[in-house]
N, C-alpha and C. Protein backbone atom coordinates (compact mmCIF):
# COMPACT_ATOMS: atom_id res chain seq x y z
N MET A 1 -1.35 21.60 -3.53
CA MET A 1 -1.75 21.06 -2.25
C MET A 1 -2.95 20.14 -2.47
N PRO A 2 -2.89 18.95 -1.91
CA PRO A 2 -4.02 18.02 -2.07
C PRO A 2 -5.27 18.56 -1.37
N THR A 3 -6.40 17.98 -1.73
CA THR A 3 -7.66 18.39 -1.13
C THR A 3 -8.14 17.35 -0.12
N LYS A 4 -9.10 17.79 0.69
CA LYS A 4 -9.73 16.89 1.64
C LYS A 4 -10.33 15.69 0.91
N GLN A 5 -10.99 15.95 -0.20
CA GLN A 5 -11.65 14.87 -0.93
C GLN A 5 -10.63 13.88 -1.49
N GLN A 6 -9.48 14.36 -1.93
CA GLN A 6 -8.43 13.44 -2.40
C GLN A 6 -7.96 12.53 -1.27
N LEU A 7 -7.83 13.10 -0.09
CA LEU A 7 -7.43 12.29 1.07
C LEU A 7 -8.49 11.24 1.35
N ILE A 8 -9.74 11.65 1.41
CA ILE A 8 -10.83 10.71 1.67
C ILE A 8 -10.85 9.60 0.63
N ASN A 9 -10.68 9.95 -0.62
CA ASN A 9 -10.68 8.96 -1.70
C ASN A 9 -9.51 7.98 -1.59
N THR A 10 -8.40 8.44 -1.03
CA THR A 10 -7.20 7.61 -0.93
C THR A 10 -7.28 6.60 0.21
N LEU A 11 -7.92 7.00 1.30
CA LEU A 11 -7.93 6.15 2.50
C LEU A 11 -8.91 4.99 2.36
N GLY A 12 -8.53 3.87 2.97
CA GLY A 12 -9.41 2.72 3.02
C GLY A 12 -10.43 2.89 4.13
N ILE A 13 -11.52 2.15 4.00
CA ILE A 13 -12.56 2.15 5.02
C ILE A 13 -12.23 1.06 6.03
N GLY A 14 -11.98 1.43 7.27
CA GLY A 14 -11.65 0.47 8.31
C GLY A 14 -10.16 0.22 8.43
N LYS A 15 -9.76 -0.18 9.64
CA LYS A 15 -8.35 -0.40 9.96
C LYS A 15 -7.69 -1.43 9.05
N ALA A 16 -8.42 -2.48 8.70
CA ALA A 16 -7.85 -3.53 7.85
C ALA A 16 -7.47 -3.01 6.46
N ALA A 17 -8.05 -1.88 6.08
CA ALA A 17 -7.77 -1.31 4.76
C ALA A 17 -6.88 -0.07 4.85
N ALA A 18 -6.13 0.05 5.95
CA ALA A 18 -5.25 1.21 6.13
C ALA A 18 -4.30 1.35 4.95
N GLN A 19 -4.06 2.59 4.58
CA GLN A 19 -3.13 2.90 3.50
C GLN A 19 -1.82 3.38 4.10
N SER A 20 -0.73 2.80 3.65
CA SER A 20 0.58 3.18 4.18
C SER A 20 0.92 4.62 3.79
N VAL A 21 1.82 5.21 4.54
CA VAL A 21 2.24 6.58 4.26
C VAL A 21 2.79 6.71 2.84
N PRO A 22 3.65 5.80 2.35
CA PRO A 22 4.12 5.96 0.97
C PRO A 22 2.97 5.93 -0.05
N VAL A 23 1.96 5.11 0.17
CA VAL A 23 0.82 5.06 -0.75
C VAL A 23 0.06 6.39 -0.72
N VAL A 24 -0.16 6.91 0.50
CA VAL A 24 -0.86 8.19 0.64
C VAL A 24 -0.06 9.30 -0.02
N GLU A 25 1.24 9.32 0.23
CA GLU A 25 2.10 10.36 -0.37
C GLU A 25 2.05 10.31 -1.89
N GLN A 26 2.14 9.13 -2.44
CA GLN A 26 2.12 9.00 -3.91
C GLN A 26 0.77 9.43 -4.46
N ALA A 27 -0.31 8.99 -3.84
CA ALA A 27 -1.65 9.33 -4.33
C ALA A 27 -1.93 10.83 -4.25
N LEU A 28 -1.40 11.48 -3.22
CA LEU A 28 -1.68 12.89 -3.02
C LEU A 28 -0.59 13.81 -3.56
N GLY A 29 0.51 13.22 -4.02
CA GLY A 29 1.61 14.03 -4.55
C GLY A 29 2.34 14.81 -3.47
N ILE A 30 2.39 14.24 -2.28
CA ILE A 30 3.11 14.88 -1.17
C ILE A 30 4.52 14.31 -1.14
N PRO A 31 5.54 15.15 -1.28
CA PRO A 31 6.91 14.63 -1.23
C PRO A 31 7.27 14.14 0.17
N THR A 32 8.05 13.08 0.25
CA THR A 32 8.52 12.58 1.53
C THR A 32 9.47 13.61 2.11
N ARG A 33 9.24 13.97 3.37
CA ARG A 33 10.05 14.98 4.05
C ARG A 33 10.37 14.51 5.45
N GLY A 34 11.59 14.59 5.85
CA GLY A 34 11.98 14.23 7.21
C GLY A 34 11.87 12.73 7.44
N THR A 35 12.25 12.34 8.63
CA THR A 35 12.22 10.91 8.96
C THR A 35 10.85 10.46 9.43
N ASN A 36 9.97 11.40 9.74
CA ASN A 36 8.64 11.07 10.24
C ASN A 36 7.54 11.42 9.27
N ASN A 37 7.87 11.55 7.99
CA ASN A 37 6.87 11.90 6.98
C ASN A 37 6.10 13.15 7.41
N ASP A 38 6.85 14.18 7.74
CA ASP A 38 6.27 15.39 8.33
C ASP A 38 5.18 16.02 7.48
N GLY A 39 5.39 16.11 6.18
CA GLY A 39 4.40 16.74 5.31
C GLY A 39 3.08 15.99 5.31
N THR A 40 3.15 14.68 5.26
CA THR A 40 1.95 13.86 5.25
C THR A 40 1.24 13.94 6.59
N ARG A 41 1.98 13.80 7.66
CA ARG A 41 1.37 13.87 9.00
C ARG A 41 0.70 15.22 9.22
N THR A 42 1.35 16.29 8.80
CA THR A 42 0.77 17.63 8.95
C THR A 42 -0.51 17.76 8.15
N PHE A 43 -0.48 17.28 6.91
CA PHE A 43 -1.67 17.38 6.06
C PHE A 43 -2.84 16.58 6.64
N VAL A 44 -2.58 15.36 7.08
CA VAL A 44 -3.64 14.52 7.65
C VAL A 44 -4.17 15.15 8.93
N ARG A 45 -3.28 15.60 9.81
CA ARG A 45 -3.70 16.23 11.06
C ARG A 45 -4.56 17.45 10.78
N ARG A 46 -4.12 18.30 9.87
CA ARG A 46 -4.88 19.50 9.53
C ARG A 46 -6.24 19.14 8.94
N SER A 47 -6.27 18.11 8.11
CA SER A 47 -7.54 17.66 7.52
C SER A 47 -8.51 17.18 8.59
N ILE A 48 -7.99 16.45 9.57
CA ILE A 48 -8.83 15.97 10.67
C ILE A 48 -9.39 17.16 11.45
N LEU A 49 -8.52 18.09 11.82
CA LEU A 49 -8.92 19.21 12.66
C LEU A 49 -9.85 20.19 11.95
N GLU A 50 -9.59 20.45 10.68
CA GLU A 50 -10.39 21.44 9.95
C GLU A 50 -11.71 20.88 9.44
N ASN A 51 -11.80 19.55 9.31
CA ASN A 51 -12.99 18.96 8.70
C ASN A 51 -13.67 17.91 9.56
N ASP A 52 -13.18 17.73 10.79
CA ASP A 52 -13.74 16.72 11.70
C ASP A 52 -13.81 15.34 11.06
N LEU A 53 -12.75 14.97 10.36
CA LEU A 53 -12.73 13.67 9.68
C LEU A 53 -12.39 12.56 10.66
N PRO A 54 -13.10 11.44 10.61
CA PRO A 54 -12.81 10.31 11.51
C PRO A 54 -11.71 9.43 10.92
N ILE A 55 -10.47 9.89 11.05
CA ILE A 55 -9.32 9.17 10.49
C ILE A 55 -8.52 8.56 11.63
N GLY A 56 -8.24 7.27 11.52
CA GLY A 56 -7.41 6.58 12.47
C GLY A 56 -6.03 6.36 11.88
N SER A 57 -5.07 6.06 12.75
CA SER A 57 -3.72 5.79 12.25
C SER A 57 -3.01 4.81 13.17
N HIS A 58 -2.04 4.13 12.60
CA HIS A 58 -1.12 3.28 13.33
C HIS A 58 0.11 3.13 12.45
N GLY A 59 1.07 2.34 12.87
CA GLY A 59 2.30 2.18 12.11
C GLY A 59 2.09 1.73 10.68
N GLY A 60 0.95 1.14 10.40
CA GLY A 60 0.66 0.66 9.04
C GLY A 60 0.01 1.68 8.15
N GLY A 61 -0.37 2.83 8.69
CA GLY A 61 -0.93 3.87 7.85
C GLY A 61 -2.18 4.51 8.42
N TYR A 62 -2.97 5.07 7.50
CA TYR A 62 -4.18 5.82 7.86
C TYR A 62 -5.40 5.14 7.26
N TRP A 63 -6.55 5.30 7.93
CA TRP A 63 -7.81 4.76 7.44
C TRP A 63 -8.97 5.57 7.96
N ILE A 64 -10.11 5.41 7.34
CA ILE A 64 -11.33 6.04 7.82
C ILE A 64 -11.94 5.10 8.87
N ILE A 65 -12.11 5.62 10.07
CA ILE A 65 -12.66 4.83 11.18
C ILE A 65 -14.08 4.41 10.80
N ASP A 66 -14.35 3.11 10.95
CA ASP A 66 -15.63 2.58 10.49
C ASP A 66 -16.42 1.83 11.55
N THR A 67 -15.80 1.49 12.68
CA THR A 67 -16.51 0.73 13.71
C THR A 67 -16.30 1.38 15.07
N SER A 68 -17.16 1.02 16.00
CA SER A 68 -17.02 1.53 17.37
C SER A 68 -15.70 1.10 17.97
N ALA A 69 -15.27 -0.12 17.66
CA ALA A 69 -13.99 -0.62 18.18
C ALA A 69 -12.83 0.22 17.67
N GLU A 70 -12.84 0.57 16.38
CA GLU A 70 -11.78 1.40 15.82
C GLU A 70 -11.81 2.80 16.44
N PHE A 71 -13.01 3.32 16.64
CA PHE A 71 -13.17 4.63 17.27
C PHE A 71 -12.59 4.61 18.68
N THR A 72 -12.94 3.60 19.46
CA THR A 72 -12.44 3.47 20.82
C THR A 72 -10.93 3.33 20.83
N GLU A 73 -10.40 2.54 19.92
CA GLU A 73 -8.95 2.36 19.83
C GLU A 73 -8.25 3.68 19.51
N ALA A 74 -8.83 4.45 18.60
CA ALA A 74 -8.23 5.74 18.23
C ALA A 74 -8.24 6.69 19.43
N LEU A 75 -9.35 6.73 20.15
CA LEU A 75 -9.42 7.58 21.34
C LEU A 75 -8.43 7.13 22.40
N ASP A 76 -8.35 5.82 22.63
CA ASP A 76 -7.41 5.29 23.63
C ASP A 76 -5.98 5.66 23.27
N GLN A 77 -5.65 5.60 21.99
CA GLN A 77 -4.31 5.94 21.53
C GLN A 77 -4.01 7.41 21.83
N ILE A 78 -4.96 8.29 21.55
CA ILE A 78 -4.77 9.72 21.81
C ILE A 78 -4.68 9.98 23.31
N GLU A 79 -5.56 9.35 24.09
CA GLU A 79 -5.53 9.55 25.53
C GLU A 79 -4.22 9.05 26.14
N GLY A 80 -3.66 7.99 25.57
CA GLY A 80 -2.36 7.51 26.04
C GLY A 80 -1.27 8.53 25.78
N ARG A 81 -1.33 9.19 24.64
CA ARG A 81 -0.34 10.23 24.34
C ARG A 81 -0.50 11.41 25.31
N ILE A 82 -1.76 11.75 25.59
CA ILE A 82 -2.01 12.85 26.53
C ILE A 82 -1.43 12.51 27.90
N ARG A 83 -1.67 11.28 28.38
CA ARG A 83 -1.11 10.87 29.68
C ARG A 83 0.41 10.94 29.67
N ALA A 84 1.03 10.47 28.60
CA ALA A 84 2.49 10.50 28.51
C ALA A 84 3.01 11.94 28.52
N LEU A 85 2.32 12.83 27.82
CA LEU A 85 2.73 14.23 27.82
C LEU A 85 2.55 14.86 29.19
N GLU A 86 1.47 14.50 29.89
CA GLU A 86 1.25 15.03 31.23
C GLU A 86 2.34 14.53 32.19
N GLU A 87 2.73 13.27 32.07
CA GLU A 87 3.81 12.75 32.91
C GLU A 87 5.11 13.50 32.64
N ARG A 88 5.38 13.77 31.36
CA ARG A 88 6.59 14.50 31.00
C ARG A 88 6.52 15.93 31.54
N ARG A 89 5.35 16.56 31.44
CA ARG A 89 5.16 17.92 31.95
C ARG A 89 5.43 17.98 33.45
N LEU A 90 4.88 17.01 34.20
CA LEU A 90 5.07 16.99 35.64
C LEU A 90 6.53 16.75 36.01
N ALA A 91 7.20 15.88 35.28
CA ALA A 91 8.63 15.63 35.53
C ALA A 91 9.44 16.90 35.28
N LEU A 92 9.09 17.64 34.25
CA LEU A 92 9.78 18.89 33.95
C LEU A 92 9.56 19.90 35.08
N ILE A 93 8.35 19.99 35.59
CA ILE A 93 8.06 20.89 36.71
C ILE A 93 8.88 20.51 37.94
N ARG A 94 8.92 19.20 38.25
CA ARG A 94 9.71 18.75 39.41
C ARG A 94 11.19 19.04 39.19
N GLY A 95 11.68 18.75 38.00
CA GLY A 95 13.09 19.00 37.71
C GLY A 95 13.46 20.46 37.80
N TRP A 96 12.57 21.33 37.33
CA TRP A 96 12.84 22.76 37.41
C TRP A 96 12.88 23.22 38.87
N ALA A 97 11.99 22.69 39.70
CA ALA A 97 11.98 23.06 41.12
C ALA A 97 13.30 22.63 41.78
N VAL A 98 13.75 21.42 41.49
CA VAL A 98 15.01 20.93 42.05
C VAL A 98 16.16 21.79 41.54
N ARG A 99 16.14 22.13 40.27
CA ARG A 99 17.20 22.96 39.68
C ARG A 99 17.25 24.32 40.38
N GLN A 100 16.09 24.94 40.55
CA GLN A 100 16.05 26.25 41.20
C GLN A 100 16.57 26.17 42.63
N TYR A 101 16.14 25.15 43.37
CA TYR A 101 16.60 24.99 44.76
C TYR A 101 18.11 24.75 44.79
N SER A 102 18.60 23.87 43.93
CA SER A 102 20.04 23.54 43.95
C SER A 102 20.89 24.76 43.64
N LYS A 103 20.40 25.63 42.77
CA LYS A 103 21.14 26.85 42.48
C LYS A 103 21.12 27.80 43.69
N SER A 104 20.02 27.77 44.43
CA SER A 104 19.93 28.68 45.59
C SER A 104 20.90 28.31 46.69
N ILE A 105 21.35 27.05 46.72
CA ILE A 105 22.32 26.61 47.74
C ILE A 105 23.71 26.41 47.11
N ASN A 106 23.90 27.00 45.94
CA ASN A 106 25.19 26.97 45.22
C ASN A 106 25.68 25.57 44.90
N GLN A 107 24.75 24.66 44.62
CA GLN A 107 25.10 23.31 44.19
C GLN A 107 24.21 22.96 42.98
N PRO A 108 24.44 23.67 41.87
CA PRO A 108 23.56 23.49 40.70
C PRO A 108 23.44 22.03 40.28
N TRP A 109 22.21 21.62 40.11
CA TRP A 109 21.88 20.27 39.67
C TRP A 109 21.17 20.37 38.34
N PRO A 110 21.38 19.54 37.37
CA PRO A 110 22.16 18.32 37.38
C PRO A 110 23.65 18.55 37.17
N LYS A 111 24.04 19.77 36.80
CA LYS A 111 25.49 20.07 36.75
C LYS A 111 25.69 21.55 36.83
């Protein structure tokens, strides 16, 4: 298992120096798994959470956040995901209420 320090050493400083997932995987010896690079994403996420590392990400890879603008962008990205999850949660609640009502009148919805 790679170490926190190996991850830090692998990542570039600032968004312009982001390291792609294949580069990170090769440097850390993490095998490619799944279509979403699950092993790498899990390792990076765990490293961030366990060590409070300021790591940003985008489709081009991972980097060490180095500016206020990068920090703000990273927070905005996370907050956008939170909003999307909240919208999905509320839709699920509404759908479940409609489903329960439709079953109570013997007209199950959506089928």
